Amino acid sequence: MSQDIPRGTDAEGDLARRCGESMYANDHASQGLGIRIEAIGPGFARMSMRVRRDMLNGYGTCHGGFLFTLADSAFAFACNSRNDATVAAGCSIEFLRPGREGELLVATAQERVLSGRTGIYDAAVVNESGETIAVFRGRSARIKGEVIAGAHVPEA
């Protein structure tokens, strides 16, 4: 999975950034877990989360629900980056390695297909050593409305 931010026009990148800022301002779940936006672009988002003690399961590793939430948040920001209100229609995750207390985990979500109102996005969660912790696939559904009312990319 590429770690580069997708190329688009400056206006598309600016709109994606503004959508991310708008969503994050109201995303109390991500804020409460310490999830941060690292980068965002059209159909792309990279978010990070430091594993805290209160995120550990009975085995002393990061609970899978927190890994899912990090990946799901990156997915949500990627699929709303074009200012079309979009929600998850389905998703799955595969856990490959444990996350450890104190680790900074990074989820990178990338649009794979966008067709009509439906999109497919892949996300990878990696640790500071670059090891893949989990892989996630989400299916999005565009709904009525916009992230930022009236914001759009001017026609070329």
Protein backbone atom coordinates (compact mmCIF):
# COMPACT_ATOMS: atom_id res chain seq x y z
CA MET A 1 0.00 0.00 0.00
CA SER A 2 1.43 3.38 -1.00
CA GLN A 3 2.24 5.80 1.78
CA ASP A 4 2.16 8.79 -0.59
CA ILE A 5 -0.69 11.25 -0.50
CA PRO A 6 -2.61 10.98 -3.79
CA ARG A 7 -1.96 13.76 -6.23
CA GLY A 8 -4.86 15.99 -7.08
CA THR A 9 -5.38 19.65 -7.62
CA ASP A 10 -4.52 22.06 -4.84
CA ALA A 11 -8.26 22.75 -4.54
CA GLU A 12 -9.01 19.03 -4.04
CA GLY A 13 -6.33 18.76 -1.38
CA ASP A 14 -7.58 21.87 0.37
CA LEU A 15 -11.15 20.55 0.33
CA ALA A 16 -9.98 17.21 1.78
CA ARG A 17 -8.08 19.02 4.56
CA ARG A 18 -11.09 21.21 5.37
CA CYS A 19 -13.41 18.16 5.43
CA GLY A 20 -11.01 16.40 7.79
CA GLU A 21 -10.84 19.38 10.12
CA SER A 22 -14.63 19.70 10.13
CA MET A 23 -15.18 16.01 10.84
CA TYR A 24 -12.50 15.89 13.53
CA ALA A 25 -14.03 18.84 15.38
CA ASN A 26 -17.14 16.69 15.99
CA ASP A 27 -15.44 13.27 16.28
CA HIS A 28 -15.37 12.87 20.05
CA ALA A 29 -14.59 9.15 19.78
CA SER A 30 -11.34 9.74 17.86
CA GLN A 31 -10.43 12.70 20.05
CA GLY A 32 -11.06 10.71 23.23
CA LEU A 33 -8.77 7.90 22.04
CA GLY A 34 -6.02 10.35 21.12
CA ILE A 35 -6.36 9.61 17.40
CA ARG A 36 -4.76 12.33 15.28
CA ILE A 37 -4.91 13.19 11.59
CA GLU A 38 -1.42 12.85 10.13
CA ALA A 39 -2.28 13.46 6.45
CA ILE A 40 -5.37 13.65 4.27
CA GLY A 41 -6.05 13.96 0.57
CA PRO A 42 -8.73 12.98 -1.93
CA GLY A 43 -9.66 9.36 -1.09
CA PHE A 44 -6.81 9.07 1.41
CA ALA A 45 -6.21 9.52 5.14
CA ARG A 46 -3.41 8.66 7.56
CA MET A 47 -4.19 8.73 11.29
CA SER A 48 -2.22 7.78 14.39
CA MET A 49 -2.93 6.60 17.93
CA ARG A 50 -0.60 5.89 20.86
CA VAL A 51 -1.56 2.67 22.69
CA ARG A 52 -2.43 3.54 26.28
CA ARG A 53 -2.70 1.29 29.31
CA ASP A 54 -6.51 1.61 29.29
CA MET A 55 -6.51 0.15 25.74
CA LEU A 56 -4.93 -3.16 26.80
CA ASN A 57 -6.83 -6.43 26.90
CA GLY A 58 -6.38 -9.31 29.34
CA TYR A 59 -3.22 -10.42 27.52
CA GLY A 60 -1.58 -7.02 27.95
CA THR A 61 -1.84 -6.13 24.25
CA CYS A 62 -3.94 -3.55 22.45
CA HIS A 63 -7.56 -4.66 22.34
CA GLY A 64 -8.71 -5.39 18.80
CA GLY A 65 -11.59 -2.96 19.15
CA PHE A 66 -9.14 -0.08 19.42
CA LEU A 67 -7.19 -1.28 16.37
CA PHE A 68 -10.49 -1.49 14.49
CA THR A 69 -11.46 2.01 15.62
CA LEU A 70 -8.17 3.49 14.41
CA ALA A 71 -8.52 1.81 10.99
CA ASP A 72 -12.23 2.70 10.79
CA SER A 73 -11.46 6.35 11.56
CA ALA A 74 -8.87 6.51 8.77
CA PHE A 75 -11.44 4.89 6.46
CA ALA A 76 -14.11 7.42 7.47
CA PHE A 77 -11.84 10.41 6.85
CA ALA A 78 -10.68 9.02 3.48
CA CYS A 79 -14.19 8.37 2.19
CA ASN A 80 -15.50 11.78 3.31
CA SER A 81 -12.53 13.71 1.87
CA ARG A 82 -14.41 14.83 -1.26
CA ASN A 83 -17.17 16.47 0.81
CA ASP A 84 -19.81 13.85 0.03
CA ALA A 85 -21.42 12.65 3.26
CA THR A 86 -20.43 8.99 3.42
CA VAL A 87 -20.88 6.19 5.97
CA ALA A 88 -19.60 2.65 6.37
CA ALA A 89 -21.79 -0.01 4.75
CA GLY A 90 -19.55 -2.87 5.81
CA CYS A 91 -16.02 -3.61 6.87
CA SER A 92 -13.67 -6.33 8.01
CA ILE A 93 -10.32 -6.51 9.75
CA GLU A 94 -7.57 -9.08 10.04
CA PHE A 95 -5.32 -8.90 13.11
CA LEU A 96 -1.75 -9.93 12.30
CA ARG A 97 0.38 -8.84 15.27
CA PRO A 98 -0.33 -7.44 18.72
CA GLY A 99 -0.09 -3.75 19.42
CA ARG A 100 1.93 -2.95 22.55
CA GLU A 101 1.50 -0.35 25.27
CA GLY A 102 3.26 2.88 24.35
CA GLU A 103 3.50 2.11 20.62
CA LEU A 104 2.44 4.73 18.12
CA LEU A 105 0.20 2.99 15.59
CA VAL A 106 -0.55 4.52 12.20
CA ALA A 107 -3.51 3.61 9.98
CA THR A 108 -3.34 4.56 6.32
CA ALA A 109 -6.59 4.28 4.34
CA GLN A 110 -6.68 4.47 0.55
CA GLU A 111 -9.60 4.47 -1.84
CA ARG A 112 -9.46 1.48 -4.22
CA VAL A 113 -12.74 1.82 -6.13
CA LEU A 114 -15.37 4.54 -6.26
CA SER A 115 -18.43 3.66 -8.32
CA GLY A 116 -21.69 5.55 -8.00
CA ARG A 117 -22.57 5.80 -4.32
CA THR A 118 -20.28 2.93 -3.26
CA GLY A 119 -16.57 2.88 -2.51
CA ILE A 120 -14.02 0.29 -1.44
CA TYR A 121 -11.13 1.33 0.82
CA ASP A 122 -8.15 -0.57 2.18
CA ALA A 123 -6.28 0.40 5.33
CA ALA A 124 -3.16 -0.94 6.98
CA VAL A 125 -2.27 -0.38 10.62
CA VAL A 126 1.48 -0.39 11.25
CA ASN A 127 3.64 0.08 14.33
CA GLU A 128 6.70 2.32 14.69
CA SER A 129 8.92 -0.42 13.26
CA GLY A 130 6.81 -0.52 10.11
CA GLU A 131 5.36 -3.94 10.95
CA THR A 132 1.79 -4.44 9.81
CA ILE A 133 -0.46 -4.95 12.84
CA ALA A 134 -3.78 -5.24 11.01
CA VAL A 135 -5.36 -4.92 7.58
CA PHE A 136 -8.85 -3.51 7.10
CA ARG A 137 -11.23 -3.28 4.16
CA GLY A 138 -14.25 -1.01 4.19
CA ARG A 139 -17.21 -0.52 1.89
CA SER A 140 -18.67 2.97 1.92
CA ALA A 141 -22.09 4.30 1.00
CA ARG A 142 -22.67 7.91 0.06
CA ILE A 143 -25.72 9.42 1.74
CA LYS A 144 -27.47 12.75 1.27
CA GLY A 145 -25.61 15.84 2.33
CA GLU A 146 -22.13 17.22 2.54
CA VAL A 147 -19.46 17.36 5.23
CA ILE A 148 -19.20 21.14 4.71
CA ALA A 149 -22.39 22.62 3.30
CA GLY A 150 -21.80 24.28 -0.06
CA ALA A 151 -18.06 23.57 -0.31
CA HIS A 152 -16.90 22.25 -3.65
CA VAL A 153 -13.91 22.16 -5.99
CA PRO A 154 -14.26 24.79 -8.72
CA GLU A 155 -14.55 23.44 -12.27
CA ALA A 156 -11.32 23.66 -14.27
